């Protein structure tokens, strides 16, 4: 019997669309390619979510990948919160899960500064019972430590919990702990998958 719902944020409750954001900045195609490679597509991007380094340190490292784009890279990191927007259904979705008696927790890779913005602006967050965000524990999915941190913090029995994420690697890591999992590709399908597990929604 499922008692707990664990939700990723990006591509589950909010749209992480860095490509759309950059396309809207008016850069030419070559600048877009270089800027993407120096930021979101770089080996350092995950460290932004890990939270062990400051935003300034991350920005400096990424500027080193393409010094000619220092101004553009710096601007991107200052405005990276704009790459994520809440889905219209998210607040009602979380509220309905709570109304039906489920514990609802967030488990997401998210940097400190951007999550501070999300907490102020995303309507679904206050309705969740809590969660573990990567910067808080300095681990990122699919590292096992972040799942263990969530389990320990809230006393979750993974066999009575389902984890929803868009990334298959993150779901495979959750299965090791005994979580039921749902890969989210489309909201209505995810709701169907929850109902197939006996979740009332």
N, C-alpha and C. Protein backbone atom coordinates (compact mmCIF):
# COMPACT_ATOMS: atom_id res chain seq x y z
N UNK A 1 0.84 -1.20 0.00
CA UNK A 1 0.00 0.00 0.00
C UNK A 1 0.87 1.26 0.00
N UNK A 2 0.62 2.14 -0.93
CA UNK A 2 1.41 3.37 -1.04
C UNK A 2 0.90 4.40 -0.03
N UNK A 3 1.82 4.90 0.80
CA UNK A 3 1.50 5.93 1.78
C UNK A 3 2.22 7.25 1.50
N UNK A 4 3.30 7.17 0.74
CA UNK A 4 4.15 8.33 0.53
C UNK A 4 4.44 8.54 -0.96
N UNK A 5 4.34 9.79 -1.40
CA UNK A 5 4.65 10.17 -2.77
C UNK A 5 5.87 11.07 -2.74
N UNK A 6 6.91 10.70 -3.47
CA UNK A 6 8.13 11.50 -3.56
C UNK A 6 8.23 12.05 -4.97
N UNK A 7 8.41 13.36 -5.09
CA UNK A 7 8.35 14.03 -6.38
C UNK A 7 9.63 14.79 -6.70
N UNK A 8 10.17 14.54 -7.88
CA UNK A 8 11.19 15.42 -8.44
C UNK A 8 10.51 16.74 -8.79
N UNK A 9 11.29 17.79 -9.00
CA UNK A 9 10.71 19.07 -9.41
C UNK A 9 10.84 19.27 -10.92
N UNK A 10 12.08 19.29 -11.43
CA UNK A 10 12.28 19.56 -12.84
C UNK A 10 11.67 18.52 -13.75
N UNK A 11 10.80 18.93 -14.66
CA UNK A 11 10.08 18.13 -15.64
C UNK A 11 8.99 17.26 -15.01
N UNK A 12 8.76 17.43 -13.71
CA UNK A 12 7.65 16.74 -13.03
C UNK A 12 6.66 17.78 -12.50
N UNK A 13 7.17 18.75 -11.75
CA UNK A 13 6.32 19.81 -11.21
C UNK A 13 6.63 21.18 -11.83
N UNK A 14 7.74 21.27 -12.52
CA UNK A 14 8.14 22.53 -13.15
C UNK A 14 8.94 22.24 -14.41
N UNK A 15 8.88 23.17 -15.34
CA UNK A 15 9.54 23.00 -16.63
C UNK A 15 10.93 23.64 -16.61
N UNK A 16 11.95 22.79 -16.70
CA UNK A 16 13.33 23.27 -16.80
C UNK A 16 13.65 23.41 -18.28
N UNK A 17 13.62 24.63 -18.78
CA UNK A 17 13.77 24.89 -20.22
C UNK A 17 14.89 25.88 -20.46
N UNK A 18 16.12 25.44 -20.21
CA UNK A 18 17.27 26.32 -20.39
C UNK A 18 17.46 26.70 -21.86
N UNK A 19 17.12 25.77 -22.76
CA UNK A 19 17.27 26.09 -24.18
C UNK A 19 16.33 27.22 -24.58
N UNK A 20 15.08 27.15 -24.11
CA UNK A 20 14.12 28.20 -24.41
C UNK A 20 14.55 29.54 -23.86
N UNK A 21 15.10 29.51 -22.64
CA UNK A 21 15.58 30.76 -22.04
C UNK A 21 16.70 31.37 -22.87
N UNK A 22 17.69 30.56 -23.23
CA UNK A 22 18.82 31.08 -23.99
C UNK A 22 18.39 31.55 -25.38
N UNK A 23 17.48 30.82 -25.99
CA UNK A 23 17.00 31.23 -27.31
C UNK A 23 16.32 32.60 -27.25
N UNK A 24 15.72 32.90 -26.11
CA UNK A 24 15.04 34.18 -25.95
C UNK A 24 15.97 35.34 -25.64
N UNK A 25 17.25 35.03 -25.45
CA UNK A 25 18.22 36.09 -25.11
C UNK A 25 18.78 36.78 -26.34
N UNK A 26 18.48 36.27 -27.53
CA UNK A 26 18.91 36.93 -28.75
C UNK A 26 20.31 36.61 -29.21
N UNK A 27 20.93 35.54 -28.68
CA UNK A 27 22.27 35.16 -29.11
C UNK A 27 22.22 34.50 -30.49
N UNK A 28 23.33 34.64 -31.23
CA UNK A 28 23.41 33.92 -32.50
C UNK A 28 23.71 32.45 -32.21
N UNK A 29 23.58 31.62 -33.24
CA UNK A 29 23.67 30.17 -33.05
C UNK A 29 25.01 29.73 -32.49
N UNK A 30 26.09 30.33 -32.95
CA UNK A 30 27.41 29.95 -32.46
C UNK A 30 27.59 30.33 -30.99
N UNK A 31 27.13 31.50 -30.61
CA UNK A 31 27.21 31.91 -29.21
C UNK A 31 26.36 31.01 -28.33
N UNK A 32 25.19 30.64 -28.81
CA UNK A 32 24.33 29.71 -28.07
C UNK A 32 25.04 28.40 -27.82
N UNK A 33 25.69 27.88 -28.85
CA UNK A 33 26.40 26.60 -28.72
C UNK A 33 27.51 26.71 -27.68
N UNK A 34 28.31 27.74 -27.78
CA UNK A 34 29.43 27.91 -26.85
C UNK A 34 28.96 28.18 -25.44
N UNK A 35 27.93 28.98 -25.29
CA UNK A 35 27.39 29.30 -23.96
C UNK A 35 26.80 28.06 -23.31
N UNK A 36 26.11 27.26 -24.09
CA UNK A 36 25.54 26.01 -23.57
C UNK A 36 26.64 25.07 -23.09
N UNK A 37 27.69 24.94 -23.91
CA UNK A 37 28.79 24.04 -23.57
C UNK A 37 29.55 24.49 -22.32
N UNK A 38 29.57 25.78 -22.09
CA UNK A 38 30.30 26.32 -20.94
C UNK A 38 29.47 26.31 -19.66
N UNK A 39 28.19 26.06 -19.77
CA UNK A 39 27.30 26.13 -18.59
C UNK A 39 26.54 24.81 -18.39
N UNK A 40 25.35 24.72 -18.92
CA UNK A 40 24.47 23.57 -18.64
C UNK A 40 25.05 22.25 -19.14
N UNK A 41 25.78 22.29 -20.25
CA UNK A 41 26.32 21.06 -20.81
C UNK A 41 27.74 20.76 -20.31
N UNK A 42 28.25 21.57 -19.43
CA UNK A 42 29.61 21.36 -18.91
C UNK A 42 29.61 20.36 -17.76
N UNK A 43 30.79 19.85 -17.46
CA UNK A 43 30.94 18.90 -16.36
C UNK A 43 30.72 19.56 -15.01
N UNK A 44 30.70 20.89 -15.00
CA UNK A 44 30.57 21.63 -13.74
C UNK A 44 29.12 21.89 -13.38
N UNK A 45 28.19 21.77 -14.31
CA UNK A 45 26.80 22.13 -14.06
C UNK A 45 26.22 21.39 -12.86
N UNK A 46 26.50 20.10 -12.74
CA UNK A 46 25.96 19.34 -11.61
C UNK A 46 26.45 19.88 -10.28
N UNK A 47 27.63 20.49 -10.29
CA UNK A 47 28.16 21.06 -9.04
C UNK A 47 27.35 22.27 -8.60
N UNK A 48 26.69 22.92 -9.54
CA UNK A 48 25.78 24.02 -9.21
C UNK A 48 24.66 23.51 -8.31
N UNK A 49 24.15 22.31 -8.63
CA UNK A 49 23.09 21.70 -7.83
C UNK A 49 23.63 21.09 -6.54
N UNK A 50 24.86 20.62 -6.56
CA UNK A 50 25.43 19.95 -5.38
C UNK A 50 25.56 20.91 -4.20
N UNK A 51 25.89 22.15 -4.49
CA UNK A 51 25.92 23.14 -3.43
C UNK A 51 27.19 23.21 -2.61
N UNK A 52 28.21 22.45 -2.99
CA UNK A 52 29.46 22.48 -2.22
C UNK A 52 30.28 23.73 -2.54
N UNK A 53 30.04 24.31 -3.74
CA UNK A 53 30.71 25.53 -4.15
C UNK A 53 29.70 26.66 -4.23
N UNK A 54 30.17 27.88 -4.06
CA UNK A 54 29.28 29.04 -4.16
C UNK A 54 28.94 29.31 -5.62
N UNK A 55 27.88 30.09 -5.84
CA UNK A 55 27.52 30.48 -7.21
C UNK A 55 28.70 31.20 -7.88
N UNK A 56 29.40 32.01 -7.12
CA UNK A 56 30.53 32.76 -7.68
C UNK A 56 31.65 31.82 -8.11
N UNK A 57 31.90 30.80 -7.31
CA UNK A 57 32.95 29.83 -7.66
C UNK A 57 32.58 29.05 -8.92
N UNK A 58 31.30 28.63 -9.00
CA UNK A 58 30.83 27.90 -10.18
C UNK A 58 30.93 28.78 -11.42
N UNK A 59 30.51 30.03 -11.28
CA UNK A 59 30.56 30.97 -12.41
C UNK A 59 32.00 31.15 -12.89
N UNK A 60 32.92 31.31 -11.96
CA UNK A 60 34.33 31.49 -12.34
C UNK A 60 34.87 30.29 -13.09
N UNK A 61 34.54 29.10 -12.62
CA UNK A 61 35.01 27.88 -13.30
C UNK A 61 34.46 27.82 -14.72
N UNK A 62 33.17 28.11 -14.87
CA UNK A 62 32.54 28.04 -16.19
C UNK A 62 33.06 29.13 -17.12
N UNK A 63 33.36 30.30 -16.58
CA UNK A 63 33.96 31.35 -17.41
C UNK A 63 35.31 30.90 -17.95
N UNK A 64 36.00 30.06 -17.18
CA UNK A 64 37.29 29.54 -17.63
C UNK A 64 37.19 28.63 -18.83
N UNK A 65 36.02 28.04 -19.06
CA UNK A 65 35.84 27.18 -20.22
C UNK A 65 35.79 27.98 -21.52
N UNK A 66 35.35 29.23 -21.45
CA UNK A 66 35.24 30.07 -22.64
C UNK A 66 35.35 31.53 -22.21
N UNK A 67 36.58 31.98 -21.91
CA UNK A 67 36.76 33.33 -21.36
C UNK A 67 36.18 34.46 -22.21
N UNK A 68 36.09 34.26 -23.51
CA UNK A 68 35.53 35.30 -24.38
C UNK A 68 34.05 35.55 -24.07
N UNK A 69 33.41 34.59 -23.42
CA UNK A 69 31.98 34.71 -23.11
C UNK A 69 31.75 34.96 -21.62
N UNK A 70 32.74 35.53 -20.95
CA UNK A 70 32.62 35.77 -19.50
C UNK A 70 31.37 36.56 -19.16
N UNK A 71 31.08 37.59 -19.90
CA UNK A 71 29.90 38.42 -19.61
C UNK A 71 28.61 37.63 -19.78
N UNK A 72 28.53 36.85 -20.86
CA UNK A 72 27.32 36.06 -21.11
C UNK A 72 27.14 34.94 -20.10
N UNK A 73 28.23 34.29 -19.73
CA UNK A 73 28.16 33.21 -18.74
C UNK A 73 27.75 33.75 -17.38
N UNK A 74 28.34 34.88 -17.00
CA UNK A 74 27.99 35.51 -15.72
C UNK A 74 26.52 35.89 -15.69
N UNK A 75 26.04 36.46 -16.78
CA UNK A 75 24.63 36.84 -16.87
C UNK A 75 23.72 35.62 -16.77
N UNK A 76 24.13 34.53 -17.43
CA UNK A 76 23.31 33.32 -17.38
C UNK A 76 23.14 32.82 -15.95
N UNK A 77 24.22 32.74 -15.20
CA UNK A 77 24.12 32.24 -13.84
C UNK A 77 23.32 33.18 -12.94
N UNK A 78 23.44 34.47 -13.17
CA UNK A 78 22.66 35.42 -12.37
C UNK A 78 21.16 35.28 -12.64
N UNK A 79 20.82 34.83 -13.83
CA UNK A 79 19.41 34.73 -14.22
C UNK A 79 18.93 33.30 -14.41
N UNK A 80 19.70 32.33 -13.94
CA UNK A 80 19.36 30.93 -14.22
C UNK A 80 18.05 30.50 -13.58
N UNK A 81 17.58 31.22 -12.57
CA UNK A 81 16.28 30.91 -11.98
C UNK A 81 15.16 31.04 -13.01
N UNK A 82 15.39 31.83 -14.06
CA UNK A 82 14.38 32.04 -15.08
C UNK A 82 14.22 30.83 -16.01
N UNK A 83 15.12 29.86 -15.89
CA UNK A 83 15.04 28.68 -16.76
C UNK A 83 13.99 27.69 -16.29
N UNK A 84 13.43 27.90 -15.10
CA UNK A 84 12.47 26.96 -14.53
C UNK A 84 11.15 27.67 -14.24
N UNK A 85 10.05 27.12 -14.75
CA UNK A 85 8.72 27.69 -14.49
C UNK A 85 7.77 26.59 -14.02
N UNK A 86 6.95 26.93 -13.07
CA UNK A 86 6.01 25.97 -12.48
C UNK A 86 4.95 25.56 -13.49
N UNK A 87 4.64 24.26 -13.53
CA UNK A 87 3.54 23.78 -14.37
C UNK A 87 2.20 24.23 -13.78
N UNK A 88 1.23 24.47 -14.63
CA UNK A 88 -0.07 24.97 -14.17
C UNK A 88 -0.81 23.98 -13.27
N UNK A 89 -0.54 22.70 -13.45
CA UNK A 89 -1.27 21.66 -12.69
C UNK A 89 -0.64 21.34 -11.34
N UNK A 90 0.58 21.81 -11.08
CA UNK A 90 1.37 21.28 -9.96
C UNK A 90 0.76 21.52 -8.60
N UNK A 91 0.29 22.74 -8.35
CA UNK A 91 -0.27 23.03 -7.03
C UNK A 91 -1.47 22.15 -6.74
N UNK A 92 -2.38 22.05 -7.68
CA UNK A 92 -3.58 21.25 -7.46
C UNK A 92 -3.24 19.77 -7.31
N UNK A 93 -2.25 19.32 -8.06
CA UNK A 93 -1.80 17.93 -7.98
C UNK A 93 -1.31 17.59 -6.57
N UNK A 94 -0.44 18.42 -6.03
CA UNK A 94 0.09 18.17 -4.68
C UNK A 94 -1.01 18.30 -3.64
N UNK A 95 -1.87 19.30 -3.79
CA UNK A 95 -2.97 19.49 -2.85
C UNK A 95 -3.90 18.27 -2.85
N UNK A 96 -4.17 17.70 -4.00
CA UNK A 96 -5.05 16.53 -4.08
C UNK A 96 -4.42 15.32 -3.42
N UNK A 97 -3.12 15.14 -3.60
CA UNK A 97 -2.45 14.03 -2.94
C UNK A 97 -2.53 14.17 -1.43
N UNK A 98 -2.32 15.38 -0.94
CA UNK A 98 -2.42 15.63 0.50
C UNK A 98 -3.85 15.40 1.00
N UNK A 99 -4.82 15.89 0.24
CA UNK A 99 -6.22 15.75 0.62
C UNK A 99 -6.61 14.29 0.74
N UNK A 100 -5.98 13.46 -0.07
CA UNK A 100 -6.29 12.03 -0.05
C UNK A 100 -5.43 11.24 0.94
N UNK A 101 -4.68 11.95 1.77
CA UNK A 101 -4.03 11.32 2.90
C UNK A 101 -2.59 10.89 2.72
N UNK A 102 -1.96 11.29 1.62
CA UNK A 102 -0.59 10.86 1.37
C UNK A 102 0.43 11.86 1.93
N UNK A 103 1.56 11.32 2.37
CA UNK A 103 2.70 12.16 2.66
C UNK A 103 3.36 12.52 1.33
N UNK A 104 3.69 13.78 1.14
CA UNK A 104 4.28 14.23 -0.12
C UNK A 104 5.60 14.93 0.16
N UNK A 105 6.67 14.41 -0.44
CA UNK A 105 8.00 14.99 -0.25
C UNK A 105 8.63 15.30 -1.60
N UNK A 106 9.51 16.29 -1.61
CA UNK A 106 10.26 16.66 -2.80
C UNK A 106 11.66 16.09 -2.72
N UNK A 107 12.17 15.60 -3.85
CA UNK A 107 13.55 15.12 -3.93
C UNK A 107 14.10 15.60 -5.26
N UNK A 108 14.94 16.64 -5.21
CA UNK A 108 15.31 17.30 -6.45
C UNK A 108 16.74 17.81 -6.44
N UNK A 109 17.36 17.77 -7.61
CA UNK A 109 18.64 18.43 -7.82
C UNK A 109 18.38 19.91 -8.09
N UNK A 110 18.85 20.75 -7.18
CA UNK A 110 18.53 22.18 -7.29
C UNK A 110 19.58 22.97 -6.54
N UNK A 111 20.08 24.05 -7.14
CA UNK A 111 21.04 24.91 -6.47
C UNK A 111 20.37 25.82 -5.44
N UNK A 112 21.15 26.29 -4.49
CA UNK A 112 20.62 27.07 -3.37
C UNK A 112 19.88 28.33 -3.83
N UNK A 113 20.55 29.15 -4.63
CA UNK A 113 19.96 30.43 -5.03
C UNK A 113 18.68 30.23 -5.83
N UNK A 114 18.70 29.30 -6.76
CA UNK A 114 17.52 29.06 -7.58
C UNK A 114 16.38 28.47 -6.77
N UNK A 115 16.70 27.65 -5.78
CA UNK A 115 15.62 27.08 -4.96
C UNK A 115 15.02 28.13 -4.04
N UNK A 116 15.83 29.06 -3.60
CA UNK A 116 15.28 30.17 -2.81
C UNK A 116 14.23 30.92 -3.63
N UNK A 117 14.50 31.13 -4.90
CA UNK A 117 13.52 31.76 -5.78
C UNK A 117 12.28 30.88 -5.91
N UNK A 118 12.49 29.58 -6.11
CA UNK A 118 11.37 28.65 -6.26
C UNK A 118 10.47 28.66 -5.03
N UNK A 119 11.07 28.67 -3.85
CA UNK A 119 10.28 28.67 -2.61
C UNK A 119 9.38 29.89 -2.51
N UNK A 120 9.83 31.00 -3.05
CA UNK A 120 9.04 32.24 -2.99
C UNK A 120 7.95 32.29 -4.05
N UNK A 121 8.14 31.57 -5.16
CA UNK A 121 7.26 31.77 -6.31
C UNK A 121 6.46 30.54 -6.74
N UNK A 122 6.92 29.33 -6.44
CA UNK A 122 6.21 28.13 -6.90
C UNK A 122 5.14 27.75 -5.89
N UNK A 123 3.91 27.71 -6.35
CA UNK A 123 2.77 27.55 -5.45
C UNK A 123 2.65 26.16 -4.84
N UNK A 124 3.24 25.14 -5.49
CA UNK A 124 3.09 23.78 -4.97
C UNK A 124 3.97 23.53 -3.75
N UNK A 125 5.06 24.26 -3.60
CA UNK A 125 6.04 23.94 -2.55
C UNK A 125 5.46 24.00 -1.13
N UNK A 126 4.66 25.00 -0.77
CA UNK A 126 4.14 25.03 0.60
C UNK A 126 3.21 23.86 0.94
N UNK A 127 2.67 23.21 -0.06
CA UNK A 127 1.73 22.11 0.19
C UNK A 127 2.44 20.78 0.45
N UNK A 128 3.71 20.68 0.06
CA UNK A 128 4.47 19.46 0.33
C UNK A 128 4.83 19.39 1.82
N UNK A 129 5.06 18.18 2.30
CA UNK A 129 5.41 17.98 3.71
C UNK A 129 6.88 18.26 3.99
N UNK A 130 7.64 18.46 2.94
CA UNK A 130 9.07 18.70 3.11
C UNK A 130 9.82 18.07 1.96
N UNK A 131 11.08 17.76 2.18
CA UNK A 131 11.87 17.14 1.14
C UNK A 131 13.35 17.29 1.37
N UNK A 132 14.11 16.79 0.43
CA UNK A 132 15.56 16.95 0.44
C UNK A 132 15.96 17.52 -0.92
N UNK A 133 16.62 18.67 -0.89
CA UNK A 133 17.10 19.33 -2.09
C UNK A 133 18.62 19.18 -2.11
N UNK A 134 19.16 18.91 -3.28
CA UNK A 134 20.56 18.48 -3.39
C UNK A 134 21.55 19.40 -2.69
N UNK A 135 21.38 20.71 -2.82
CA UNK A 135 22.36 21.63 -2.23
C UNK A 135 22.40 21.51 -0.70
N UNK A 136 21.30 21.04 -0.10
CA UNK A 136 21.23 20.94 1.36
C UNK A 136 22.14 19.85 1.90
N UNK A 137 22.35 18.80 1.11
CA UNK A 137 23.10 17.64 1.59
C UNK A 137 24.40 17.41 0.81
N UNK A 138 24.64 18.24 -0.20
CA UNK A 138 25.84 18.15 -1.05
C UNK A 138 25.95 16.83 -1.80
N UNK A 139 24.79 16.24 -2.08
CA UNK A 139 24.72 15.06 -2.94
C UNK A 139 23.65 15.31 -4.00
N UNK A 140 23.83 14.70 -5.18
CA UNK A 140 22.86 14.84 -6.25
C UNK A 140 22.38 13.47 -6.70
N UNK A 141 21.14 13.42 -7.17
CA UNK A 141 20.66 12.19 -7.79
C UNK A 141 21.49 11.90 -9.03
N UNK A 142 21.87 10.67 -9.31
CA UNK A 142 21.41 9.44 -8.65
C UNK A 142 22.34 8.90 -7.56
N UNK A 143 23.10 9.75 -6.89
CA UNK A 143 23.96 9.27 -5.82
C UNK A 143 23.12 8.72 -4.68
N UNK A 144 23.46 7.55 -4.15
CA UNK A 144 22.60 6.91 -3.15
C UNK A 144 22.41 7.72 -1.88
N UNK A 145 23.39 8.54 -1.54
CA UNK A 145 23.32 9.29 -0.29
C UNK A 145 22.12 10.24 -0.22
N UNK A 146 21.69 10.77 -1.36
CA UNK A 146 20.57 11.71 -1.31
C UNK A 146 19.26 10.99 -1.02
N UNK A 147 19.13 9.76 -1.51
CA UNK A 147 17.93 8.97 -1.21
C UNK A 147 17.92 8.56 0.26
N UNK A 148 19.10 8.16 0.75
CA UNK A 148 19.20 7.78 2.16
C UNK A 148 18.89 8.97 3.06
N UNK A 149 19.31 10.15 2.64
CA UNK A 149 19.04 11.35 3.43
C UNK A 149 17.53 11.58 3.56
N UNK A 150 16.80 11.38 2.47
CA UNK A 150 15.35 11.56 2.51
C UNK A 150 14.70 10.50 3.41
N UNK A 151 15.11 9.27 3.25
CA UNK A 151 14.56 8.17 4.06
C UNK A 151 14.79 8.43 5.54
N UNK A 152 16.00 8.83 5.88
CA UNK A 152 16.35 9.06 7.29
C UNK A 152 15.63 10.27 7.87
N UNK A 153 15.50 11.32 7.07
CA UNK A 153 14.91 12.56 7.57
C UNK A 153 13.45 12.39 7.94
N UNK A 154 12.73 11.56 7.17
CA UNK A 154 11.29 11.45 7.38
C UNK A 154 10.83 10.04 7.78
N UNK A 155 11.77 9.14 7.99
CA UNK A 155 11.41 7.78 8.39
C UNK A 155 10.57 7.07 7.35
N UNK A 156 10.91 7.25 6.09
CA UNK A 156 10.13 6.69 4.98
C UNK A 156 10.42 5.20 4.83
N UNK A 157 9.38 4.41 4.63
CA UNK A 157 9.51 3.02 4.22
C UNK A 157 9.39 2.99 2.70
N UNK A 158 10.51 2.79 1.98
CA UNK A 158 10.46 2.86 0.52
C UNK A 158 9.45 1.90 -0.12
N UNK A 159 9.19 0.78 0.53
CA UNK A 159 8.23 -0.18 -0.04
C UNK A 159 6.80 0.35 -0.01
N UNK A 160 6.58 1.39 0.78
CA UNK A 160 5.27 2.03 0.85
C UNK A 160 5.30 3.41 0.20
N UNK A 161 6.29 3.63 -0.67
CA UNK A 161 6.46 4.93 -1.30
C UNK A 161 6.68 4.78 -2.80
N UNK A 162 6.30 5.80 -3.53
CA UNK A 162 6.55 5.83 -4.97
C UNK A 162 7.28 7.13 -5.31
N UNK A 163 8.29 7.01 -6.16
CA UNK A 163 9.12 8.15 -6.55
C UNK A 163 8.88 8.46 -8.02
N UNK A 164 8.55 9.72 -8.31
CA UNK A 164 8.30 10.16 -9.68
C UNK A 164 9.43 11.07 -10.14
N UNK A 165 10.04 10.72 -11.27
CA UNK A 165 11.16 11.48 -11.82
C UNK A 165 11.14 11.30 -13.33
N UNK A 166 11.70 12.26 -14.04
CA UNK A 166 11.78 12.13 -15.50
C UNK A 166 13.02 11.38 -15.96
N UNK A 167 14.01 11.23 -15.07
CA UNK A 167 15.30 10.65 -15.42
C UNK A 167 15.37 9.18 -15.00
N UNK A 168 15.57 8.31 -15.99
CA UNK A 168 15.61 6.88 -15.70
C UNK A 168 16.71 6.48 -14.75
N UNK A 169 17.88 7.11 -14.84
CA UNK A 169 18.98 6.78 -13.93
C UNK A 169 18.62 7.08 -12.48
N UNK A 170 17.90 8.18 -12.26
CA UNK A 170 17.47 8.53 -10.91
C UNK A 170 16.48 7.52 -10.36
N UNK A 171 15.64 7.00 -11.24
CA UNK A 171 14.66 6.00 -10.81
C UNK A 171 15.32 4.67 -10.50
N UNK A 172 16.29 4.28 -11.30
CA UNK A 172 16.99 3.02 -11.04
C UNK A 172 17.69 3.08 -9.68
N UNK A 173 18.26 4.23 -9.35
CA UNK A 173 18.92 4.38 -8.05
C UNK A 173 17.92 4.27 -6.92
N UNK A 174 16.70 4.78 -7.12
CA UNK A 174 15.66 4.69 -6.10
C UNK A 174 15.19 3.26 -5.90
N UNK A 175 15.14 2.49 -6.98
CA UNK A 175 14.70 1.10 -6.88
C UNK A 175 15.59 0.27 -5.97
N UNK A 176 16.87 0.63 -5.92
CA UNK A 176 17.81 -0.10 -5.06
C UNK A 176 17.36 -0.05 -3.60
N UNK A 177 16.71 1.05 -3.22
CA UNK A 177 16.22 1.21 -1.85
C UNK A 177 14.84 0.58 -1.64
N UNK A 178 14.22 0.15 -2.72
CA UNK A 178 12.90 -0.48 -2.62
C UNK A 178 11.75 0.41 -3.02
N UNK A 179 12.02 1.62 -3.51
CA UNK A 179 10.94 2.51 -3.94
C UNK A 179 10.22 1.94 -5.17
N UNK A 180 8.91 2.11 -5.21
CA UNK A 180 8.19 2.01 -6.47
C UNK A 180 8.58 3.25 -7.27
N UNK A 181 8.59 3.15 -8.59
CA UNK A 181 9.00 4.30 -9.39
C UNK A 181 8.09 4.51 -10.58
N UNK A 182 7.98 5.76 -10.99
CA UNK A 182 7.24 6.14 -12.20
C UNK A 182 8.10 7.14 -12.97
N UNK A 183 8.36 6.84 -14.23
CA UNK A 183 9.08 7.79 -15.07
C UNK A 183 8.07 8.72 -15.72
N UNK A 184 8.26 10.01 -15.46
CA UNK A 184 7.29 11.00 -15.92
C UNK A 184 7.69 11.53 -17.30
N UNK A 185 6.84 11.29 -18.26
CA UNK A 185 7.02 11.85 -19.60
C UNK A 185 5.86 12.76 -19.96
N UNK A 186 4.72 12.53 -19.31
CA UNK A 186 3.52 13.32 -19.58
C UNK A 186 2.63 13.21 -18.35
N UNK A 187 2.04 14.31 -17.92
CA UNK A 187 1.35 14.37 -16.64
C UNK A 187 0.19 13.37 -16.54
N UNK A 188 -0.68 13.34 -17.52
CA UNK A 188 -1.83 12.45 -17.45
C UNK A 188 -1.42 10.99 -17.37
N UNK A 189 -0.35 10.64 -18.07
CA UNK A 189 0.15 9.26 -18.00
C UNK A 189 0.69 8.97 -16.61
N UNK A 190 1.35 9.93 -15.99
CA UNK A 190 1.86 9.74 -14.63
C UNK A 190 0.72 9.52 -13.65
N UNK A 191 -0.37 10.25 -13.83
CA UNK A 191 -1.55 10.07 -12.97
C UNK A 191 -2.11 8.67 -13.15
N UNK A 192 -2.18 8.20 -14.38
CA UNK A 192 -2.64 6.84 -14.64
C UNK A 192 -1.75 5.81 -13.96
N UNK A 193 -0.44 6.03 -14.02
CA UNK A 193 0.50 5.10 -13.39
C UNK A 193 0.36 5.10 -11.88
N UNK A 194 0.08 6.27 -11.30
CA UNK A 194 -0.16 6.34 -9.86
C UNK A 194 -1.42 5.53 -9.49
N UNK A 195 -2.45 5.71 -10.26
CA UNK A 195 -3.69 4.97 -9.99
C UNK A 195 -3.50 3.48 -10.14
N UNK A 196 -2.64 3.07 -11.05
CA UNK A 196 -2.35 1.64 -11.24
C UNK A 196 -1.66 1.05 -10.01
N UNK A 197 -1.00 1.91 -9.23
CA UNK A 197 -0.38 1.48 -7.98
C UNK A 197 -1.33 1.55 -6.79
N UNK A 198 -2.57 1.98 -7.06
CA UNK A 198 -3.56 2.07 -6.00
C UNK A 198 -3.64 3.43 -5.35
N UNK A 199 -2.95 4.42 -5.92
CA UNK A 199 -2.96 5.76 -5.36
C UNK A 199 -4.26 6.45 -5.76
N UNK A 200 -4.93 7.06 -4.80
CA UNK A 200 -6.16 7.81 -5.07
C UNK A 200 -5.79 9.23 -5.47
N UNK A 201 -6.12 9.59 -6.70
CA UNK A 201 -5.77 10.92 -7.20
C UNK A 201 -6.77 11.33 -8.26
